[in-house]
């Protein structure tokens, strides 16, 4: 199914690589205007270049989702440029180290919760405030299959993504009658820098990760992007508070 989002305004966090970049490209090809943030300036510039190469329009705003003022500035810039926010994807996240819980460093745990939970919370608050003012909007949060089941050696990440699922479902109930739909996607291991470039993910990569996926492969960022576009489309108008799993069968096993 080819989705169309002519002149829709889409805000994306973590748009400098991976799923965020793939989603920015997909929305741009569907006619949307993109505003996205990332801490990585080079990654942001590359996403802008790729969006423009397919005839799209993108504005990069450097920022950190753990800093409330950065989040507010991102929302304000989007509204100043385009007058509204039709769609928001809260995608920015980190994985943290792969170690058993009793070995997990306190600071690493704090860092994962700051980005993956508080960052999403800050973004949702600012986005919802704007969407209430304009009377409509769609939000998709990037959770994970690790937010639905246990994930050995990823205690902080699993806890953070369970929290994202809880935030998604709660906000979906609070705002559905205000014209705001909120859902989440729950990918499994996907071919993004978080997975393929993470030093904590390297040991026995094929055996421990790919062989643990019933489909025997990693997901593609474009596959996750396609699901996000569906959740933001009119075809999904009755989908509220849903956690869409895209994991190659992990959750079914």
C-alpha atoms as a PDB file:
ATOM      1  CA  UNK A   1       0.000   0.000   0.000  1.00  0.00           C
ATOM      2  CA  UNK A   2       1.340   3.421  -0.947  1.00  0.00           C
ATOM      3  CA  UNK A   3       0.549   6.051   1.657  1.00  0.00           C
ATOM      4  CA  UNK A   4       0.210   9.725   0.840  1.00  0.00           C
ATOM      5  CA  UNK A   5       0.885  12.591   3.247  1.00  0.00           C
ATOM      6  CA  UNK A   6       0.758  15.703   1.046  1.00  0.00           C
ATOM      7  CA  UNK A   7       1.909  18.793   2.969  1.00  0.00           C
ATOM      8  CA  UNK A   8       1.707  17.008   6.331  1.00  0.00           C
ATOM      9  CA  UNK A   9       4.236  18.260   8.884  1.00  0.00           C
ATOM     10  CA  UNK A  10       6.246  15.469  10.486  1.00  0.00           C
ATOM     11  CA  UNK A  11       8.548  15.869  13.486  1.00  0.00           C
ATOM     12  CA  UNK A  12      11.100  13.108  14.131  1.00  0.00           C
ATOM     13  CA  UNK A  13      13.651  12.697  16.915  1.00  0.00           C
ATOM     14  CA  UNK A  14      16.803  10.713  16.274  1.00  0.00           C
ATOM     15  CA  UNK A  15      16.506  11.348  12.551  1.00  0.00           C
ATOM     16  CA  UNK A  16      20.225  11.307  11.835  1.00  0.00           C
ATOM     17  CA  UNK A  17      20.460   7.570  11.188  1.00  0.00           C
ATOM     18  CA  UNK A  18      18.690   4.217  11.268  1.00  0.00           C
ATOM     19  CA  UNK A  19      14.928   4.029  11.659  1.00  0.00           C
ATOM     20  CA  UNK A  20      14.611   7.793  12.102  1.00  0.00           C
ATOM     21  CA  UNK A  21      16.336   8.480   8.791  1.00  0.00           C
ATOM     22  CA  UNK A  22      14.423   5.736   6.962  1.00  0.00           C
ATOM     23  CA  UNK A  23      11.144   7.156   8.258  1.00  0.00           C
ATOM     24  CA  UNK A  24      12.081  10.702   7.266  1.00  0.00           C
ATOM     25  CA  UNK A  25      12.789   9.474   3.737  1.00  0.00           C
ATOM     26  CA  UNK A  26       9.556   7.499   3.568  1.00  0.00           C
ATOM     27  CA  UNK A  27       7.449  10.444   4.715  1.00  0.00           C
ATOM     28  CA  UNK A  28       9.268  12.808   2.359  1.00  0.00           C
ATOM     29  CA  UNK A  29       8.610  10.507  -0.585  1.00  0.00           C
ATOM     30  CA  UNK A  30       4.950  10.502   0.468  1.00  0.00           C
ATOM     31  CA  UNK A  31       4.791  14.308   0.263  1.00  0.00           C
ATOM     32  CA  UNK A  32       5.366  15.346   3.885  1.00  0.00           C
ATOM     33  CA  UNK A  33       7.520  18.167   5.219  1.00  0.00           C
ATOM     34  CA  UNK A  34      10.129  16.920   7.679  1.00  0.00           C
ATOM     35  CA  UNK A  35      11.619  18.537  10.760  1.00  0.00           C
ATOM     36  CA  UNK A  36      13.959  16.308  12.720  1.00  0.00           C
ATOM     37  CA  UNK A  37      16.467  16.406  15.521  1.00  0.00           C
ATOM     38  CA  UNK A  38      19.621  14.527  16.401  1.00  0.00           C
ATOM     39  CA  UNK A  39      22.740  15.155  18.442  1.00  0.00           C
ATOM     40  CA  UNK A  40      24.930  14.131  15.505  1.00  0.00           C
ATOM     41  CA  UNK A  41      25.415  17.089  13.153  1.00  0.00           C
ATOM     42  CA  UNK A  42      27.015  15.009  10.394  1.00  0.00           C
ATOM     43  CA  UNK A  43      24.194  12.482  10.548  1.00  0.00           C
ATOM     44  CA  UNK A  44      21.653  15.271  10.418  1.00  0.00           C
ATOM     45  CA  UNK A  45      23.279  16.788   7.340  1.00  0.00           C
ATOM     46  CA  UNK A  46      23.314  13.395   5.623  1.00  0.00           C
ATOM     47  CA  UNK A  47      19.605  12.877   6.297  1.00  0.00           C
ATOM     48  CA  UNK A  48      18.818  16.315   4.861  1.00  0.00           C
ATOM     49  CA  UNK A  49      20.839  15.474   1.760  1.00  0.00           C
ATOM     50  CA  UNK A  50      19.070  12.143   1.296  1.00  0.00           C
ATOM     51  CA  UNK A  51      15.620  13.699   1.750  1.00  0.00           C
ATOM     52  CA  UNK A  52      16.433  16.428  -0.767  1.00  0.00           C
ATOM     53  CA  UNK A  53      17.768  13.811  -3.196  1.00  0.00           C
ATOM     54  CA  UNK A  54      14.277  12.299  -3.407  1.00  0.00           C
ATOM     55  CA  UNK A  55      12.683  15.716  -3.885  1.00  0.00           C
ATOM     56  CA  UNK A  56      11.669  16.202  -0.263  1.00  0.00           C
ATOM     57  CA  UNK A  57      12.014  19.019   2.235  1.00  0.00           C
ATOM     58  CA  UNK A  58      13.746  18.594   5.603  1.00  0.00           C
ATOM     59  CA  UNK A  59      14.924  20.890   8.372  1.00  0.00           C
ATOM     60  CA  UNK A  60      17.531  19.642  10.845  1.00  0.00           C
ATOM     61  CA  UNK A  61      17.559  20.955  14.423  1.00  0.00           C
ATOM     62  CA  UNK A  62      20.438  19.790  16.579  1.00  0.00           C
ATOM     63  CA  UNK A  63      19.210  18.844  20.019  1.00  0.00           C
ATOM     64  CA  UNK A  64      19.168  16.450  22.952  1.00  0.00           C
ATOM     65  CA  UNK A  65      15.850  14.870  23.965  1.00  0.00           C
ATOM     66  CA  UNK A  66      17.007  14.703  27.587  1.00  0.00           C
ATOM     67  CA  UNK A  67      17.120  18.509  27.723  1.00  0.00           C
ATOM     68  CA  UNK A  68      13.579  19.918  28.055  1.00  0.00           C
ATOM     69  CA  UNK A  69      14.572  23.278  26.553  1.00  0.00           C
ATOM     70  CA  UNK A  70      15.939  21.500  23.453  1.00  0.00           C
ATOM     71  CA  UNK A  71      12.660  19.625  23.065  1.00  0.00           C
ATOM     72  CA  UNK A  72      10.618  22.792  23.446  1.00  0.00           C
ATOM     73  CA  UNK A  73      12.839  24.528  20.898  1.00  0.00           C
ATOM     74  CA  UNK A  74      12.344  21.673  18.427  1.00  0.00           C
ATOM     75  CA  UNK A  75       8.566  21.894  18.719  1.00  0.00           C
ATOM     76  CA  UNK A  76       8.635  25.697  18.561  1.00  0.00           C
ATOM     77  CA  UNK A  77      10.857  25.669  15.467  1.00  0.00           C
ATOM     78  CA  UNK A  78       8.540  23.213  13.731  1.00  0.00           C
ATOM     79  CA  UNK A  79       5.513  25.371  14.448  1.00  0.00           C
ATOM     80  CA  UNK A  80       7.321  28.556  13.436  1.00  0.00           C
ATOM     81  CA  UNK A  81       8.326  27.007  10.119  1.00  0.00           C
ATOM     82  CA  UNK A  82       5.110  25.161   9.258  1.00  0.00           C
ATOM     83  CA  UNK A  83       2.371  26.334  11.628  1.00  0.00           C
ATOM     84  CA  UNK A  84       1.582  22.933  13.158  1.00  0.00           C
ATOM     85  CA  UNK A  85       2.726  19.380  13.868  1.00  0.00           C
ATOM     86  CA  UNK A  86       0.562  16.756  12.203  1.00  0.00           C
ATOM     87  CA  UNK A  87       2.704  13.730  13.073  1.00  0.00           C
ATOM     88  CA  UNK A  88       5.472  13.076  15.585  1.00  0.00           C
ATOM     89  CA  UNK A  89       7.817  10.099  15.807  1.00  0.00           C
ATOM     90  CA  UNK A  90       9.684   9.820  19.100  1.00  0.00           C
ATOM     91  CA  UNK A  91      12.517   7.649  17.886  1.00  0.00           C
ATOM     92  CA  UNK A  92      15.687   8.785  19.686  1.00  0.00           C
ATOM     93  CA  UNK A  93      17.082   6.063  21.917  1.00  0.00           C
ATOM     94  CA  UNK A  94      20.158   4.185  23.126  1.00  0.00           C
ATOM     95  CA  UNK A  95      20.693   0.536  24.007  1.00  0.00           C
ATOM     96  CA  UNK A  96      23.275   0.552  26.783  1.00  0.00           C
ATOM     97  CA  UNK A  97      25.703  -2.285  27.563  1.00  0.00           C
ATOM     98  CA  UNK A  98      24.861  -5.992  27.434  1.00  0.00           C
ATOM     99  CA  UNK A  99      25.670  -7.242  30.936  1.00  0.00           C
ATOM    100  CA  UNK A 100      23.856  -9.062  33.713  1.00  0.00           C
ATOM    101  CA  UNK A 101      21.836  -6.897  36.071  1.00  0.00           C
ATOM    102  CA  UNK A 102      24.125  -7.146  39.108  1.00  0.00           C
ATOM    103  CA  UNK A 103      27.041  -6.035  36.915  1.00  0.00           C
ATOM    104  CA  UNK A 104      25.206  -3.087  35.379  1.00  0.00           C
ATOM    105  CA  UNK A 105      26.860   0.259  36.021  1.00  0.00           C
ATOM    106  CA  UNK A 106      24.659   2.801  37.791  1.00  0.00           C
ATOM    107  CA  UNK A 107      25.551   5.606  35.376  1.00  0.00           C
ATOM    108  CA  UNK A 108      24.819   3.469  32.327  1.00  0.00           C
ATOM    109  CA  UNK A 109      21.391   2.618  33.752  1.00  0.00           C
ATOM    110  CA  UNK A 110      20.737   6.295  34.424  1.00  0.00           C
ATOM    111  CA  UNK A 111      21.779   7.250  30.879  1.00  0.00           C
ATOM    112  CA  UNK A 112      19.447   4.724  29.227  1.00  0.00           C
ATOM    113  CA  UNK A 113      16.466   5.817  31.321  1.00  0.00           C
ATOM    114  CA  UNK A 114      17.229   9.494  30.670  1.00  0.00           C
ATOM    115  CA  UNK A 115      17.142   9.078  26.895  1.00  0.00           C
ATOM    116  CA  UNK A 116      14.618   6.292  26.374  1.00  0.00           C
ATOM    117  CA  UNK A 117      12.054   7.197  29.035  1.00  0.00           C
ATOM    118  CA  UNK A 118      12.447  10.801  30.089  1.00  0.00           C
ATOM    119  CA  UNK A 119      13.345  11.834  26.535  1.00  0.00           C
ATOM    120  CA  UNK A 120      10.139  10.306  25.179  1.00  0.00           C
ATOM    121  CA  UNK A 121       8.162  11.820  28.045  1.00  0.00           C
ATOM    122  CA  UNK A 122       9.542  15.310  27.428  1.00  0.00           C
ATOM    123  CA  UNK A 123       8.760  14.998  23.720  1.00  0.00           C
ATOM    124  CA  UNK A 124       5.240  13.686  24.238  1.00  0.00           C
ATOM    125  CA  UNK A 125       4.414  16.497  26.656  1.00  0.00           C
ATOM    126  CA  UNK A 126       5.540  19.197  24.234  1.00  0.00           C
ATOM    127  CA  UNK A 127       3.961  17.546  21.188  1.00  0.00           C
ATOM    128  CA  UNK A 128       0.643  16.893  22.924  1.00  0.00           C
ATOM    129  CA  UNK A 129       0.456  20.486  24.144  1.00  0.00           C
ATOM    130  CA  UNK A 130       0.804  21.710  20.558  1.00  0.00           C
ATOM    131  CA  UNK A 131      -1.606  19.101  19.183  1.00  0.00           C
ATOM    132  CA  UNK A 132      -4.244  20.022  21.770  1.00  0.00           C
ATOM    133  CA  UNK A 133      -3.975  23.634  20.652  1.00  0.00           C
ATOM    134  CA  UNK A 134      -4.417  22.739  16.979  1.00  0.00           C
ATOM    135  CA  UNK A 135      -7.043  20.047  17.660  1.00  0.00           C
ATOM    136  CA  UNK A 136      -5.415  17.052  15.977  1.00  0.00           C
ATOM    137  CA  UNK A 137      -2.278  14.963  15.697  1.00  0.00           C
ATOM    138  CA  UNK A 138      -0.706  11.527  15.566  1.00  0.00           C
ATOM    139  CA  UNK A 139       2.187  10.324  17.710  1.00  0.00           C
ATOM    140  CA  UNK A 140       4.200   7.124  17.294  1.00  0.00           C
ATOM    141  CA  UNK A 141       6.736   6.098  19.911  1.00  0.00           C
ATOM    142  CA  UNK A 142       9.656   3.816  19.167  1.00  0.00           C
ATOM    143  CA  UNK A 143       9.430   1.036  21.745  1.00  0.00           C
ATOM    144  CA  UNK A 144      10.849  -2.463  21.197  1.00  0.00           C
ATOM    145  CA  UNK A 145      10.007  -6.131  21.473  1.00  0.00           C
ATOM    146  CA  UNK A 146      12.147  -5.778  24.614  1.00  0.00           C
ATOM    147  CA  UNK A 147       9.297  -3.639  25.945  1.00  0.00           C
ATOM    148  CA  UNK A 148       6.949  -6.628  25.802  1.00  0.00           C
ATOM    149  CA  UNK A 149       9.116  -9.505  27.051  1.00  0.00           C
ATOM    150  CA  UNK A 150      12.212  -9.963  29.181  1.00  0.00           C
ATOM    151  CA  UNK A 151      15.560  -9.375  27.516  1.00  0.00           C
ATOM    152  CA  UNK A 152      18.520 -11.017  29.247  1.00  0.00           C
ATOM    153  CA  UNK A 153      21.557  -8.784  29.755  1.00  0.00           C
ATOM    154  CA  UNK A 154      19.625  -5.653  28.721  1.00  0.00           C
ATOM    155  CA  UNK A 155      17.927  -4.711  31.989  1.00  0.00           C
ATOM    156  CA  UNK A 156      17.985  -0.939  31.502  1.00  0.00           C
ATOM    157  CA  UNK A 157      16.921  -1.124  27.868  1.00  0.00           C
ATOM    158  CA  UNK A 158      14.090  -3.567  28.586  1.00  0.00           C
ATOM    159  CA  UNK A 159      12.899  -1.472  31.528  1.00  0.00           C
ATOM    160  CA  UNK A 160      12.989   1.678  29.441  1.00  0.00           C
ATOM    161  CA  UNK A 161      11.020   0.179  26.562  1.00  0.00           C
ATOM    162  CA  UNK A 162       8.411  -1.306  28.911  1.00  0.00           C
ATOM    163  CA  UNK A 163       8.050   2.258  30.185  1.00  0.00           C
ATOM    164  CA  UNK A 164       7.581   3.597  26.651  1.00  0.00           C
ATOM    165  CA  UNK A 165       4.775   1.085  26.100  1.00  0.00           C
ATOM    166  CA  UNK A 166       3.151   2.236  29.347  1.00  0.00           C
ATOM    167  CA  UNK A 167       3.455   5.904  28.406  1.00  0.00           C
ATOM    168  CA  UNK A 168       1.995   5.158  24.973  1.00  0.00           C
ATOM    169  CA  UNK A 169      -1.058   3.285  26.251  1.00  0.00           C
ATOM    170  CA  UNK A 170      -1.764   5.798  29.005  1.00  0.00           C
ATOM    171  CA  UNK A 171      -1.489   8.853  26.760  1.00  0.00           C
ATOM    172  CA  UNK A 172      -3.564   7.119  24.072  1.00  0.00           C
ATOM    173  CA  UNK A 173      -6.449   6.808  26.536  1.00  0.00           C
ATOM    174  CA  UNK A 174      -6.073  10.362  27.798  1.00  0.00           C
ATOM    175  CA  UNK A 175      -6.098  12.100  24.412  1.00  0.00           C
ATOM    176  CA  UNK A 176      -8.020   9.982  21.902  1.00  0.00           C
ATOM    177  CA  UNK A 177     -11.163  12.087  22.422  1.00  0.00           C
ATOM    178  CA  UNK A 178      -9.124  15.224  21.838  1.00  0.00           C
ATOM    179  CA  UNK A 179      -8.264  14.207  18.282  1.00  0.00           C
ATOM    180  CA  UNK A 180      -4.806  12.811  19.072  1.00  0.00           C
ATOM    181  CA  UNK A 181      -3.946   9.195  18.242  1.00  0.00           C
ATOM    182  CA  UNK A 182      -0.943   7.628  19.966  1.00  0.00           C
ATOM    183  CA  UNK A 183       0.624   4.241  19.201  1.00  0.00           C
ATOM    184  CA  UNK A 184       4.004   2.508  19.352  1.00  0.00           C
ATOM    185  CA  UNK A 185       6.087   0.235  17.180  1.00  0.00           C
ATOM    186  CA  UNK A 186       8.067  -2.596  18.769  1.00  0.00           C
ATOM    187  CA  UNK A 187      10.897  -3.679  16.478  1.00  0.00           C
ATOM    188  CA  UNK A 188      13.160  -6.598  17.123  1.00  0.00           C
ATOM    189  CA  UNK A 189      16.827  -6.490  16.138  1.00  0.00           C
ATOM    190  CA  UNK A 190      17.052  -4.152  13.156  1.00  0.00           C
ATOM    191  CA  UNK A 191      19.989  -3.311  10.904  1.00  0.00           C
ATOM    192  CA  UNK A 192      20.771   0.111  12.368  1.00  0.00           C
ATOM    193  CA  UNK A 193      23.924   1.629  13.877  1.00  0.00           C
ATOM    194  CA  UNK A 194      22.544   0.951  17.373  1.00  0.00           C
ATOM    195  CA  UNK A 195      22.831  -2.776  16.634  1.00  0.00           C
ATOM    196  CA  UNK A 196      25.562  -3.159  14.050  1.00  0.00           C
ATOM    197  CA  UNK A 197      27.968  -0.513  15.417  1.00  0.00           C
ATOM    198  CA  UNK A 198      27.430  -1.069  19.147  1.00  0.00           C
ATOM    199  CA  UNK A 199      30.569  -2.440  20.814  1.00  0.00           C
ATOM    200  CA  UNK A 200      28.413  -4.307  23.322  1.00  0.00           C
ATOM    201  CA  UNK A 201      26.639  -6.196  20.510  1.00  0.00           C
ATOM    202  CA  UNK A 202      29.675  -7.646  18.757  1.00  0.00           C
ATOM    203  CA  UNK A 203      30.420 -10.897  20.607  1.00  0.00           C
ATOM    204  CA  UNK A 204      29.036 -13.938  18.770  1.00  0.00           C
ATOM    205  CA  UNK A 205      26.763 -11.598  16.829  1.00  0.00           C
ATOM    206  CA  UNK A 206      25.434 -14.152  14.334  1.00  0.00           C
ATOM    207  CA  UNK A 207      24.844 -16.866  16.903  1.00  0.00           C
ATOM    208  CA  UNK A 208      23.330 -14.789  19.683  1.00  0.00           C
ATOM    209  CA  UNK A 209      21.234 -12.399  17.648  1.00  0.00           C
ATOM    210  CA  UNK A 210      20.419 -13.611  14.139  1.00  0.00           C
ATOM    211  CA  UNK A 211      20.032 -17.231  15.237  1.00  0.00           C
ATOM    212  CA  UNK A 212      17.671 -16.044  17.940  1.00  0.00           C
ATOM    213  CA  UNK A 213      15.306 -14.594  15.345  1.00  0.00           C
ATOM    214  CA  UNK A 214      12.883 -17.134  13.820  1.00  0.00           C
ATOM    215  CA  UNK A 215      13.105 -15.294  10.481  1.00  0.00           C
ATOM    216  CA  UNK A 216      16.914 -15.728  10.654  1.00  0.00           C
ATOM    217  CA  UNK A 217      17.696 -12.137   9.696  1.00  0.00           C
ATOM    218  CA  UNK A 218      17.709  -8.617  11.017  1.00  0.00           C
ATOM    219  CA  UNK A 219      14.854  -6.273  10.253  1.00  0.00           C
ATOM    220  CA  UNK A 220      15.324  -3.457   7.760  1.00  0.00           C
ATOM    221  CA  UNK A 221      14.814   0.175   8.826  1.00  0.00           C
ATOM    222  CA  UNK A 222      12.545   0.613   5.804  1.00  0.00           C
ATOM    223  CA  UNK A 223      10.260  -2.145   7.116  1.00  0.00           C
ATOM    224  CA  UNK A 224       9.841  -0.330  10.425  1.00  0.00           C
ATOM    225  CA  UNK A 225       9.272   2.949   8.574  1.00  0.00           C
ATOM    226  CA  UNK A 226       6.484   1.369   6.527  1.00  0.00           C
ATOM    227  CA  UNK A 227       4.684   0.332   9.719  1.00  0.00           C
ATOM    228  CA  UNK A 228       5.052   3.832  11.137  1.00  0.00           C
ATOM    229  CA  UNK A 229       3.526   5.353   8.006  1.00  0.00           C
ATOM    230  CA  UNK A 230       0.590   2.973   8.297  1.00  0.00           C
ATOM    231  CA  UNK A 231      -0.025   3.939  11.941  1.00  0.00           C
ATOM    232  CA  UNK A 232       0.009   7.617  10.936  1.00  0.00           C
ATOM    233  CA  UNK A 233      -2.340   7.151   7.979  1.00  0.00           C
ATOM    234  CA  UNK A 234      -6.104   7.552   7.750  1.00  0.00           C
ATOM    235  CA  UNK A 235      -6.305   3.799   7.189  1.00  0.00           C
ATOM    236  CA  UNK A 236      -5.253   3.391  10.829  1.00  0.00           C
ATOM    237  CA  UNK A 237      -7.755   5.907  12.202  1.00  0.00           C
ATOM    238  CA  UNK A 238      -9.236   3.311  14.588  1.00  0.00           C
ATOM    239  CA  UNK A 239      -5.848   2.108  15.869  1.00  0.00           C
ATOM    240  CA  UNK A 240      -5.303   3.601  19.328  1.00  0.00           C
ATOM    241  CA  UNK A 241      -2.835   2.614  22.051  1.00  0.00           C
ATOM    242  CA  UNK A 242      -1.475  -0.243  19.943  1.00  0.00           C
ATOM    243  CA  UNK A 243       2.000  -1.783  20.159  1.00  0.00           C
ATOM    244  CA  UNK A 244       2.837  -3.069  16.695  1.00  0.00           C
ATOM    245  CA  UNK A 245       5.446  -5.837  16.795  1.00  0.00           C
ATOM    246  CA  UNK A 246       7.966  -6.170  13.944  1.00  0.00           C
ATOM    247  CA  UNK A 247      10.507  -8.694  15.151  1.00  0.00           C
ATOM    248  CA  UNK A 248      10.829 -11.616  12.758  1.00  0.00           C
ATOM    249  CA  UNK A 249       8.897 -13.870  15.116  1.00  0.00           C
ATOM    250  CA  UNK A 250      10.725 -13.330  18.440  1.00  0.00           C
ATOM    251  CA  UNK A 251       7.575 -12.434  20.346  1.00  0.00           C
ATOM    252  CA  UNK A 252       5.687 -15.404  18.899  1.00  0.00           C
ATOM    253  CA  UNK A 253       8.246 -17.991  19.998  1.00  0.00           C
END
